[in-house]
C-alpha atoms as a PDB file:
ATOM      1  CA  UNK A   1    -110.232  14.702   0.374  1.00  0.00           C
ATOM      2  CA  UNK A   2    -112.517  14.655  -2.686  1.00  0.00           C
ATOM      3  CA  UNK A   3    -115.860  12.990  -2.152  1.00  0.00           C
ATOM      4  CA  UNK A   4    -117.508  11.317  -5.142  1.00  0.00           C
ATOM      5  CA  UNK A   5    -121.248  11.849  -5.345  1.00  0.00           C
ATOM      6  CA  UNK A   6    -122.987   8.455  -4.970  1.00  0.00           C
ATOM      7  CA  UNK A   7    -125.878   9.634  -7.152  1.00  0.00           C
ATOM      8  CA  UNK A   8    -124.328  10.970 -10.371  1.00  0.00           C
ATOM      9  CA  UNK A   9    -120.724   9.736  -9.836  1.00  0.00           C
ATOM     10  CA  UNK A  10    -119.423  12.632 -11.902  1.00  0.00           C
ATOM     11  CA  UNK A  11    -115.893  12.341 -13.299  1.00  0.00           C
ATOM     12  CA  UNK A  12    -115.159  15.795 -11.891  1.00  0.00           C
ATOM     13  CA  UNK A  13    -116.642  15.658  -8.399  1.00  0.00           C
ATOM     14  CA  UNK A  14    -117.188  18.963  -6.626  1.00  0.00           C
ATOM     15  CA  UNK A  15    -119.014  18.883  -3.337  1.00  0.00           C
ATOM     16  CA  UNK A  16    -119.486  21.383  -0.560  1.00  0.00           C
ATOM     17  CA  UNK A  17    -120.667  21.143   3.030  1.00  0.00           C
ATOM     18  CA  UNK A  18    -124.415  21.217   3.430  1.00  0.00           C
ATOM     19  CA  UNK A  19    -124.967  21.231   7.180  1.00  0.00           C
ATOM     20  CA  UNK A  20    -125.114  18.251   9.510  1.00  0.00           C
ATOM     21  CA  UNK A  21    -127.589  16.065  11.354  1.00  0.00           C
ATOM     22  CA  UNK A  22    -127.740  13.825  14.428  1.00  0.00           C
ATOM     23  CA  UNK A  23    -128.260  10.140  13.693  1.00  0.00           C
ATOM     24  CA  UNK A  24    -131.040   8.797  15.956  1.00  0.00           C
ATOM     25  CA  UNK A  25    -129.615   5.272  16.266  1.00  0.00           C
ATOM     26  CA  UNK A  26    -126.423   6.278  18.087  1.00  0.00           C
ATOM     27  CA  UNK A  27    -126.653  10.057  18.627  1.00  0.00           C
ATOM     28  CA  UNK A  28    -123.613  10.758  16.447  1.00  0.00           C
ATOM     29  CA  UNK A  29    -123.450  14.051  14.510  1.00  0.00           C
ATOM     30  CA  UNK A  30    -122.641  13.506  10.806  1.00  0.00           C
ATOM     31  CA  UNK A  31    -121.744  15.999   8.089  1.00  0.00           C
ATOM     32  CA  UNK A  32    -123.895  16.414   5.003  1.00  0.00           C
ATOM     33  CA  UNK A  33    -122.645  17.412   1.516  1.00  0.00           C
ATOM     34  CA  UNK A  34    -124.189  18.681  -1.740  1.00  0.00           C
ATOM     35  CA  UNK A  35    -122.963  17.798  -5.221  1.00  0.00           C
ATOM     36  CA  UNK A  36    -122.439  20.805  -7.528  1.00  0.00           C
ATOM     37  CA  UNK A  37    -123.195  18.677 -10.591  1.00  0.00           C
ATOM     38  CA  UNK A  38    -126.550  17.075  -9.776  1.00  0.00           C
ATOM     39  CA  UNK A  39    -127.430  19.253  -6.742  1.00  0.00           C
ATOM     40  CA  UNK A  40    -128.365  16.184  -4.691  1.00  0.00           C
ATOM     41  CA  UNK A  41    -127.171  15.719  -1.126  1.00  0.00           C
ATOM     42  CA  UNK A  42    -125.491  12.877   0.761  1.00  0.00           C
ATOM     43  CA  UNK A  43    -123.711  12.414   4.069  1.00  0.00           C
ATOM     44  CA  UNK A  44    -120.792  10.620   5.690  1.00  0.00           C
ATOM     45  CA  UNK A  45    -123.113   7.731   6.513  1.00  0.00           C
ATOM     46  CA  UNK A  46    -123.848   7.097   2.819  1.00  0.00           C
ATOM     47  CA  UNK A  47    -120.521   5.304   2.391  1.00  0.00           C
ATOM     48  CA  UNK A  48    -120.732   3.176   5.546  1.00  0.00           C
ATOM     49  CA  UNK A  49    -121.660  -0.487   5.615  1.00  0.00           C
ATOM     50  CA  UNK A  50    -124.564   0.068   7.989  1.00  0.00           C
ATOM     51  CA  UNK A  51    -126.152   2.832   5.880  1.00  0.00           C
ATOM     52  CA  UNK A  52    -129.844   3.266   6.754  1.00  0.00           C
ATOM     53  CA  UNK A  53    -129.677   0.447   9.272  1.00  0.00           C
ATOM     54  CA  UNK A  54    -131.461   0.861  12.589  1.00  0.00           C
ATOM     55  CA  UNK A  55    -129.972  -0.407  15.860  1.00  0.00           C
ATOM     56  CA  UNK A  56    -126.504  -0.666  14.324  1.00  0.00           C
ATOM     57  CA  UNK A  57    -125.060  -0.711  17.847  1.00  0.00           C
ATOM     58  CA  UNK A  58    -126.333  -4.300  18.150  1.00  0.00           C
ATOM     59  CA  UNK A  59    -124.191  -5.631  15.277  1.00  0.00           C
ATOM     60  CA  UNK A  60    -120.963  -6.203  17.295  1.00  0.00           C
ATOM     61  CA  UNK A  61    -122.923  -7.830  20.114  1.00  0.00           C
ATOM     62  CA  UNK A  62    -124.744 -10.149  17.694  1.00  0.00           C
ATOM     63  CA  UNK A  63    -121.438 -11.209  16.124  1.00  0.00           C
ATOM     64  CA  UNK A  64    -119.986 -11.866  19.559  1.00  0.00           C
ATOM     65  CA  UNK A  65    -122.916 -14.048  20.653  1.00  0.00           C
ATOM     66  CA  UNK A  66    -123.282 -16.054  17.435  1.00  0.00           C
ATOM     67  CA  UNK A  67    -119.531 -16.815  17.468  1.00  0.00           C
ATOM     68  CA  UNK A  68    -119.634 -17.907  21.107  1.00  0.00           C
ATOM     69  CA  UNK A  69    -121.904 -20.924  20.685  1.00  0.00           C
ATOM     70  CA  UNK A  70    -125.119 -19.000  21.458  1.00  0.00           C
ATOM     71  CA  UNK A  71    -128.197 -19.902  19.440  1.00  0.00           C
ATOM     72  CA  UNK A  72    -130.141 -17.324  17.437  1.00  0.00           C
ATOM     73  CA  UNK A  73    -133.196 -17.698  19.657  1.00  0.00           C
ATOM     74  CA  UNK A  74    -131.206 -17.185  22.861  1.00  0.00           C
ATOM     75  CA  UNK A  75    -129.245 -14.264  21.369  1.00  0.00           C
ATOM     76  CA  UNK A  76    -132.519 -12.526  20.464  1.00  0.00           C
ATOM     77  CA  UNK A  77    -133.788 -13.089  24.000  1.00  0.00           C
ATOM     78  CA  UNK A  78    -130.610 -11.700  25.585  1.00  0.00           C
ATOM     79  CA  UNK A  79    -130.629  -8.600  23.360  1.00  0.00           C
ATOM     80  CA  UNK A  80    -134.412  -8.118  23.768  1.00  0.00           C
ATOM     81  CA  UNK A  81    -135.065  -8.023  20.029  1.00  0.00           C
ATOM     82  CA  UNK A  82    -137.219 -10.141  17.748  1.00  0.00           C
ATOM     83  CA  UNK A  83    -135.795 -13.206  16.032  1.00  0.00           C
ATOM     84  CA  UNK A  84    -136.626 -11.600  12.682  1.00  0.00           C
ATOM     85  CA  UNK A  85    -134.411  -8.624  13.498  1.00  0.00           C
ATOM     86  CA  UNK A  86    -131.596 -10.878  14.661  1.00  0.00           C
ATOM     87  CA  UNK A  87    -131.729 -13.069  11.542  1.00  0.00           C
ATOM     88  CA  UNK A  88    -131.742 -10.016   9.287  1.00  0.00           C
ATOM     89  CA  UNK A  89    -128.677  -8.585  11.024  1.00  0.00           C
ATOM     90  CA  UNK A  90    -126.986 -12.002  11.048  1.00  0.00           C
ATOM     91  CA  UNK A  91    -127.372 -12.330   7.267  1.00  0.00           C
ATOM     92  CA  UNK A  92    -126.173  -8.736   6.804  1.00  0.00           C
ATOM     93  CA  UNK A  93    -123.008  -9.470   8.790  1.00  0.00           C
ATOM     94  CA  UNK A  94    -122.495 -12.765   6.940  1.00  0.00           C
ATOM     95  CA  UNK A  95    -122.621 -11.038   3.540  1.00  0.00           C
ATOM     96  CA  UNK A  96    -119.902  -8.605   4.579  1.00  0.00           C
ATOM     97  CA  UNK A  97    -117.906 -11.410   6.172  1.00  0.00           C
ATOM     98  CA  UNK A  98    -117.877 -13.235   2.834  1.00  0.00           C
ATOM     99  CA  UNK A  99    -116.626 -10.079   1.086  1.00  0.00           C
ATOM    100  CA  UNK A 100    -113.903  -9.616   3.706  1.00  0.00           C
ATOM    101  CA  UNK A 101    -112.836 -13.269   3.419  1.00  0.00           C
ATOM    102  CA  UNK A 102    -112.484 -12.938  -0.352  1.00  0.00           C
ATOM    103  CA  UNK A 103    -110.420  -9.764   0.100  1.00  0.00           C
ATOM    104  CA  UNK A 104    -108.159 -11.565   2.582  1.00  0.00           C
ATOM    105  CA  UNK A 105    -107.619 -14.378   0.084  1.00  0.00           C
ATOM    106  CA  UNK A 106    -106.425 -11.873  -2.535  1.00  0.00           C
ATOM    107  CA  UNK A 107    -103.242 -11.497  -0.485  1.00  0.00           C
ATOM    108  CA  UNK A 108    -102.496 -15.238  -0.759  1.00  0.00           C
ATOM    109  CA  UNK A 109    -100.256 -15.862  -3.780  1.00  0.00           C
ATOM    110  CA  UNK A 110     -98.093 -18.926  -3.142  1.00  0.00           C
ATOM    111  CA  UNK A 111     -99.608 -21.400  -0.706  1.00  0.00           C
ATOM    112  CA  UNK A 112     -97.039 -24.125   0.026  1.00  0.00           C
ATOM    113  CA  UNK A 113     -98.988 -26.434   2.332  1.00  0.00           C
ATOM    114  CA  UNK A 114    -102.568 -27.080   3.387  1.00  0.00           C
ATOM    115  CA  UNK A 115    -104.806 -29.835   4.744  1.00  0.00           C
ATOM    116  CA  UNK A 116    -108.396 -30.608   3.801  1.00  0.00           C
ATOM    117  CA  UNK A 117    -111.182 -32.942   4.865  1.00  0.00           C
ATOM    118  CA  UNK A 118    -114.950 -33.128   5.415  1.00  0.00           C
ATOM    119  CA  UNK A 119    -116.826 -32.308   8.612  1.00  0.00           C
ATOM    120  CA  UNK A 120    -120.236 -33.978   8.772  1.00  0.00           C
ATOM    121  CA  UNK A 121    -123.391 -32.431  10.211  1.00  0.00           C
ATOM    122  CA  UNK A 122    -127.063 -32.372   9.150  1.00  0.00           C
ATOM    123  CA  UNK A 123    -129.972 -30.114   8.272  1.00  0.00           C
ATOM    124  CA  UNK A 124    -133.093 -30.464  10.419  1.00  0.00           C
ATOM    125  CA  UNK A 125    -132.642 -34.222  10.927  1.00  0.00           C
ATOM    126  CA  UNK A 126    -129.894 -36.838  10.755  1.00  0.00           C
ATOM    127  CA  UNK A 127    -131.724 -38.306   7.772  1.00  0.00           C
ATOM    128  CA  UNK A 128    -130.565 -35.254   5.781  1.00  0.00           C
ATOM    129  CA  UNK A 129    -126.792 -35.031   6.368  1.00  0.00           C
ATOM    130  CA  UNK A 130    -124.463 -32.252   5.204  1.00  0.00           C
ATOM    131  CA  UNK A 131    -120.741 -32.175   4.554  1.00  0.00           C
ATOM    132  CA  UNK A 132    -118.490 -29.153   5.183  1.00  0.00           C
ATOM    133  CA  UNK A 133    -115.225 -29.440   3.258  1.00  0.00           C
ATOM    134  CA  UNK A 134    -112.543 -27.000   4.395  1.00  0.00           C
ATOM    135  CA  UNK A 135    -108.914 -26.235   3.533  1.00  0.00           C
ATOM    136  CA  UNK A 136    -106.684 -25.186   6.430  1.00  0.00           C
ATOM    137  CA  UNK A 137    -103.108 -23.925   6.321  1.00  0.00           C
ATOM    138  CA  UNK A 138    -100.412 -26.217   7.680  1.00  0.00           C
ATOM    139  CA  UNK A 139     -97.230 -24.217   7.058  1.00  0.00           C
ATOM    140  CA  UNK A 140     -95.466 -22.279   9.786  1.00  0.00           C
ATOM    141  CA  UNK A 141     -96.681 -18.872   8.542  1.00  0.00           C
ATOM    142  CA  UNK A 142    -100.261 -19.972   7.713  1.00  0.00           C
ATOM    143  CA  UNK A 143    -100.840 -22.448  10.532  1.00  0.00           C
ATOM    144  CA  UNK A 144    -104.555 -23.075  11.076  1.00  0.00           C
ATOM    145  CA  UNK A 145    -105.664 -20.292   8.754  1.00  0.00           C
ATOM    146  CA  UNK A 146    -108.869 -21.210   6.921  1.00  0.00           C
ATOM    147  CA  UNK A 147    -108.427 -20.699   3.173  1.00  0.00           C
ATOM    148  CA  UNK A 148    -111.881 -21.763   2.059  1.00  0.00           C
ATOM    149  CA  UNK A 149    -114.833 -24.076   2.607  1.00  0.00           C
ATOM    150  CA  UNK A 150    -117.952 -25.370   0.901  1.00  0.00           C
ATOM    151  CA  UNK A 151    -121.204 -26.885   2.234  1.00  0.00           C
ATOM    152  CA  UNK A 152    -122.589 -29.894   0.351  1.00  0.00           C
ATOM    153  CA  UNK A 153    -125.654 -32.081   0.651  1.00  0.00           C
ATOM    154  CA  UNK A 154    -125.010 -35.815   0.879  1.00  0.00           C
ATOM    155  CA  UNK A 155    -127.092 -39.006   1.187  1.00  0.00           C
ATOM    156  CA  UNK A 156    -127.513 -40.675   4.554  1.00  0.00           C
ATOM    157  CA  UNK A 157    -125.235 -43.618   5.359  1.00  0.00           C
ATOM    158  CA  UNK A 158    -125.495 -46.850   7.327  1.00  0.00           C
ATOM    159  CA  UNK A 159    -128.703 -47.750   9.139  1.00  0.00           C
ATOM    160  CA  UNK A 160    -130.236 -44.342   8.343  1.00  0.00           C
ATOM    161  CA  UNK A 161    -129.920 -44.678   4.568  1.00  0.00           C
ATOM    162  CA  UNK A 162    -133.110 -46.715   4.052  1.00  0.00           C
ATOM    163  CA  UNK A 163    -135.201 -44.523   6.371  1.00  0.00           C
ATOM    164  CA  UNK A 164    -133.922 -41.395   4.642  1.00  0.00           C
ATOM    165  CA  UNK A 165    -134.918 -42.664   1.174  1.00  0.00           C
ATOM    166  CA  UNK A 166    -138.345 -43.734   2.418  1.00  0.00           C
ATOM    167  CA  UNK A 167    -139.114 -40.399   4.078  1.00  0.00           C
ATOM    168  CA  UNK A 168    -137.358 -37.836   1.848  1.00  0.00           C
ATOM    169  CA  UNK A 169    -136.604 -39.719  -1.363  1.00  0.00           C
ATOM    170  CA  UNK A 170    -133.215 -39.906  -3.097  1.00  0.00           C
ATOM    171  CA  UNK A 171    -130.803 -37.270  -1.821  1.00  0.00           C
ATOM    172  CA  UNK A 172    -128.126 -35.777  -4.129  1.00  0.00           C
ATOM    173  CA  UNK A 173    -124.458 -36.187  -3.315  1.00  0.00           C
ATOM    174  CA  UNK A 174    -122.799 -32.807  -3.868  1.00  0.00           C
ATOM    175  CA  UNK A 175    -119.506 -33.600  -2.142  1.00  0.00           C
ATOM    176  CA  UNK A 176    -117.458 -34.111  -5.309  1.00  0.00           C
ATOM    177  CA  UNK A 177    -118.931 -31.000  -6.961  1.00  0.00           C
ATOM    178  CA  UNK A 178    -118.272 -28.772  -3.938  1.00  0.00           C
ATOM    179  CA  UNK A 179    -114.791 -30.218  -3.446  1.00  0.00           C
ATOM    180  CA  UNK A 180    -113.949 -29.336  -7.045  1.00  0.00           C
ATOM    181  CA  UNK A 181    -115.374 -25.833  -6.569  1.00  0.00           C
ATOM    182  CA  UNK A 182    -113.114 -25.309  -3.561  1.00  0.00           C
ATOM    183  CA  UNK A 183    -110.045 -26.673  -5.369  1.00  0.00           C
ATOM    184  CA  UNK A 184    -110.768 -24.528  -8.423  1.00  0.00           C
ATOM    185  CA  UNK A 185    -110.899 -21.472  -6.141  1.00  0.00           C
ATOM    186  CA  UNK A 186    -107.594 -22.436  -4.469  1.00  0.00           C
ATOM    187  CA  UNK A 187    -105.701 -23.557  -7.593  1.00  0.00           C
ATOM    188  CA  UNK A 188    -104.374 -20.090  -8.655  1.00  0.00           C
ATOM    189  CA  UNK A 189    -103.134 -19.463  -5.108  1.00  0.00           C
ATOM    190  CA  UNK A 190    -101.309 -22.767  -4.505  1.00  0.00           C
ATOM    191  CA  UNK A 191     -97.627 -23.197  -5.303  1.00  0.00           C
ATOM    192  CA  UNK A 192     -96.724 -25.694  -8.025  1.00  0.00           C
ATOM    193  CA  UNK A 193     -95.023 -28.222  -5.736  1.00  0.00           C
ATOM    194  CA  UNK A 194     -97.186 -27.693  -2.660  1.00  0.00           C
ATOM    195  CA  UNK A 195     -97.716 -30.318   0.047  1.00  0.00           C
ATOM    196  CA  UNK A 196    -101.379 -31.307   0.433  1.00  0.00           C
ATOM    197  CA  UNK A 197    -102.482 -33.598   3.270  1.00  0.00           C
ATOM    198  CA  UNK A 198    -105.757 -35.431   3.901  1.00  0.00           C
ATOM    199  CA  UNK A 199    -107.033 -38.752   5.215  1.00  0.00           C
ATOM    200  CA  UNK A 200    -107.228 -41.915   3.095  1.00  0.00           C
ATOM    201  CA  UNK A 201    -110.629 -41.192   1.561  1.00  0.00           C
ATOM    202  CA  UNK A 202    -110.445 -42.896  -1.888  1.00  0.00           C
ATOM    203  CA  UNK A 203    -112.306 -40.008  -3.557  1.00  0.00           C
ATOM    204  CA  UNK A 204    -109.666 -37.414  -2.664  1.00  0.00           C
ATOM    205  CA  UNK A 205    -106.629 -38.390  -4.845  1.00  0.00           C
ATOM    206  CA  UNK A 206    -108.370 -37.958  -8.249  1.00  0.00           C
ATOM    207  CA  UNK A 207    -109.613 -34.494  -7.243  1.00  0.00           C
ATOM    208  CA  UNK A 208    -106.185 -33.408  -6.020  1.00  0.00           C
ATOM    209  CA  UNK A 209    -104.516 -34.764  -9.167  1.00  0.00           C
ATOM    210  CA  UNK A 210    -106.952 -32.896 -11.389  1.00  0.00           C
ATOM    211  CA  UNK A 211    -106.397 -29.431  -9.867  1.00  0.00           C
ATOM    212  CA  UNK A 212    -102.882 -29.762  -8.413  1.00  0.00           C
ATOM    213  CA  UNK A 213    -101.054 -32.149 -10.778  1.00  0.00           C
ATOM    214  CA  UNK A 214     -97.529 -31.246  -9.561  1.00  0.00           C
ATOM    215  CA  UNK A 215     -98.348 -31.150  -5.850  1.00  0.00           C
ATOM    216  CA  UNK A 216     -97.472 -33.883  -3.346  1.00  0.00           C
ATOM    217  CA  UNK A 217    -100.588 -35.468  -1.845  1.00  0.00           C
ATOM    218  CA  UNK A 218     -99.884 -37.055   1.536  1.00  0.00           C
ATOM    219  CA  UNK A 219    -102.613 -39.331   2.922  1.00  0.00           C
ATOM    220  CA  UNK A 220    -102.937 -40.267   6.590  1.00  0.00           C
ATOM    221  CA  UNK A 221    -104.867 -43.204   8.007  1.00  0.00           C
ATOM    222  CA  UNK A 222    -107.863 -42.081  10.032  1.00  0.00           C
ATOM    223  CA  UNK A 223    -107.661 -42.470  13.801  1.00  0.00           C
ATOM    224  CA  UNK A 224    -110.218 -42.817  16.552  1.00  0.00           C
ATOM    225  CA  UNK A 225    -111.384 -39.472  17.929  1.00  0.00           C
ATOM    226  CA  UNK A 226    -111.116 -38.429  21.565  1.00  0.00           C
ATOM    227  CA  UNK A 227    -113.915 -37.088  23.762  1.00  0.00           C
ATOM    228  CA  UNK A 228    -112.239 -33.742  24.428  1.00  0.00           C
ATOM    229  CA  UNK A 229    -112.311 -32.672  20.781  1.00  0.00           C
ATOM    230  CA  UNK A 230    -115.775 -34.182  20.265  1.00  0.00           C
ATOM    231  CA  UNK A 231    -114.317 -36.683  17.814  1.00  0.00           C
ATOM    232  CA  UNK A 232    -112.326 -34.174  15.755  1.00  0.00           C
ATOM    233  CA  UNK A 233    -109.100 -34.379  17.787  1.00  0.00           C
ATOM    234  CA  UNK A 234    -107.481 -37.818  17.774  1.00  0.00           C
ATOM    235  CA  UNK A 235    -106.333 -40.250  20.472  1.00  0.00           C
ATOM    236  CA  UNK A 236    -102.713 -40.341  19.318  1.00  0.00           C
ATOM    237  CA  UNK A 237     -99.534 -38.654  20.503  1.00  0.00           C
ATOM    238  CA  UNK A 238     -98.812 -36.916  17.194  1.00  0.00           C
ATOM    239  CA  UNK A 239    -101.565 -36.051  14.736  1.00  0.00           C
ATOM    240  CA  UNK A 240    -100.309 -35.289  11.186  1.00  0.00           C
ATOM    241  CA  UNK A 241    -103.617 -33.500  10.524  1.00  0.00           C
ATOM    242  CA  UNK A 242    -103.669 -31.574  13.790  1.00  0.00           C
ATOM    243  CA  UNK A 243    -104.160 -28.138  12.175  1.00  0.00           C
ATOM    244  CA  UNK A 244    -107.265 -29.352  10.351  1.00  0.00           C
ATOM    245  CA  UNK A 245    -108.713 -31.406  13.219  1.00  0.00           C
ATOM    246  CA  UNK A 246    -108.109 -28.627  15.735  1.00  0.00           C
ATOM    247  CA  UNK A 247    -109.889 -26.150  13.446  1.00  0.00           C
ATOM    248  CA  UNK A 248    -112.847 -28.504  13.040  1.00  0.00           C
ATOM    249  CA  UNK A 249    -112.994 -28.897  16.835  1.00  0.00           C
ATOM    250  CA  UNK A 250    -113.152 -25.107  17.103  1.00  0.00           C
ATOM    251  CA  UNK A 251    -116.014 -25.127  14.581  1.00  0.00           C
ATOM    252  CA  UNK A 252    -117.902 -27.474  16.897  1.00  0.00           C
ATOM    253  CA  UNK A 253    -117.074 -25.391  19.984  1.00  0.00           C
ATOM    254  CA  UNK A 254    -117.974 -21.940  18.637  1.00  0.00           C
ATOM    255  CA  UNK A 255    -120.844 -22.489  16.185  1.00  0.00           C
ATOM    256  CA  UNK A 256    -123.989 -23.579  18.025  1.00  0.00           C
ATOM    257  CA  UNK A 257    -125.526 -25.449  15.075  1.00  0.00           C
ATOM    258  CA  UNK A 258    -122.422 -27.669  14.754  1.00  0.00           C
ATOM    259  CA  UNK A 259    -122.280 -28.800  18.391  1.00  0.00           C
ATOM    260  CA  UNK A 260    -122.895 -32.529  18.763  1.00  0.00           C
ATOM    261  CA  UNK A 261    -126.042 -33.697  20.613  1.00  0.00           C
ATOM    262  CA  UNK A 262    -127.771 -30.318  20.487  1.00  0.00           C
ATOM    263  CA  UNK A 263    -131.193 -28.877  19.723  1.00  0.00           C
ATOM    264  CA  UNK A 264    -129.621 -26.157  17.565  1.00  0.00           C
ATOM    265  CA  UNK A 265    -129.870 -27.667  14.115  1.00  0.00           C
ATOM    266  CA  UNK A 266    -129.460 -26.124  10.679  1.00  0.00           C
ATOM    267  CA  UNK A 267    -132.739 -25.638   8.816  1.00  0.00           C
ATOM    268  CA  UNK A 268    -131.123 -24.391   5.587  1.00  0.00           C
ATOM    269  CA  UNK A 269    -127.622 -25.203   4.259  1.00  0.00           C
ATOM    270  CA  UNK A 270    -127.323 -21.569   3.125  1.00  0.00           C
ATOM    271  CA  UNK A 271    -127.655 -20.399   6.746  1.00  0.00           C
ATOM    272  CA  UNK A 272    -124.938 -22.818   7.838  1.00  0.00           C
ATOM    273  CA  UNK A 273    -122.700 -21.424   5.103  1.00  0.00           C
ATOM    274  CA  UNK A 274    -123.443 -17.862   6.274  1.00  0.00           C
ATOM    275  CA  UNK A 275    -122.630 -18.779   9.887  1.00  0.00           C
ATOM    276  CA  UNK A 276    -119.304 -20.349   8.889  1.00  0.00           C
ATOM    277  CA  UNK A 277    -118.407 -17.292   6.777  1.00  0.00           C
ATOM    278  CA  UNK A 278    -118.899 -15.191   9.890  1.00  0.00           C
ATOM    279  CA  UNK A 279    -116.701 -17.528  11.916  1.00  0.00           C
ATOM    280  CA  UNK A 280    -113.949 -17.756   9.282  1.00  0.00           C
ATOM    281  CA  UNK A 281    -113.447 -13.981   9.339  1.00  0.00           C
ATOM    282  CA  UNK A 282    -113.257 -14.008  13.150  1.00  0.00           C
ATOM    283  CA  UNK A 283    -110.966 -17.056  13.146  1.00  0.00           C
ATOM    284  CA  UNK A 284    -108.498 -15.630  10.606  1.00  0.00           C
ATOM    285  CA  UNK A 285    -108.477 -12.013  11.815  1.00  0.00           C
ATOM    286  CA  UNK A 286    -108.815 -12.382  15.602  1.00  0.00           C
ATOM    287  CA  UNK A 287    -108.159 -15.888  16.929  1.00  0.00           C
ATOM    288  CA  UNK A 288    -105.152 -16.856  14.802  1.00  0.00           C
ATOM    289  CA  UNK A 289    -103.170 -13.621  15.454  1.00  0.00           C
ATOM    290  CA  UNK A 290    -103.794 -14.081  19.205  1.00  0.00           C
ATOM    291  CA  UNK A 291    -102.443 -17.643  19.092  1.00  0.00           C
ATOM    292  CA  UNK A 292     -99.277 -16.598  17.250  1.00  0.00           C
END
């Protein structure tokens, strides 16, 4: 196997063994190589995701805890590390999760059916709500697979609207913008006459018509939620949007910052997006194959 030098990236790579060393973080012995072109050295670890990362053995454990409804503060306490270290490793894992999710979507070429809707949460306080729009597969082969999501800021509604404007000023509504971003990402991967399902939100049909003009958009009247699914699953015998609502219920059950009536709130929308990226990879690669 020819190894390309990461330093000079010569078109005619020639490398030879240059000893080995023991990595302190896990005690593993790794081979070292020297490039004949630039005379610089590199090792097997140079091409790994965790290159130059200390305590790499904690990464799988951190993923496991953060995807099991454990807060960042409690995860740091259980692993006996600082919260700064945990957050740094969490963001590192989230960046790679986003790359993996994009690679997984490259295999999707002709999506015949999916469902979409918004899940509402908030950042720091209920006066600053957020919306998570997600598209979930509804066909037999792609059942409950998450194809994409976006996090959007939105103004407060109802009795909280006035208090929100008084305390934080006007709040932008990014829901339409983020919905169009998601649809633009999905458009090349959706079949021409696909079946798209959602609730009867009046803002949805124009967006679907714009990006999927030949698709069939089926709307379903919203139903009252049940306690078991924390409002996401519905109190009816047959739910036409079960794949979507079940996935949203799993969001609530596995991501600590999305649990209802909790102290674990999102301080930054970008961190919520990173946490969901981490969950989407786990959901699509681990949970869905186990359910099949």
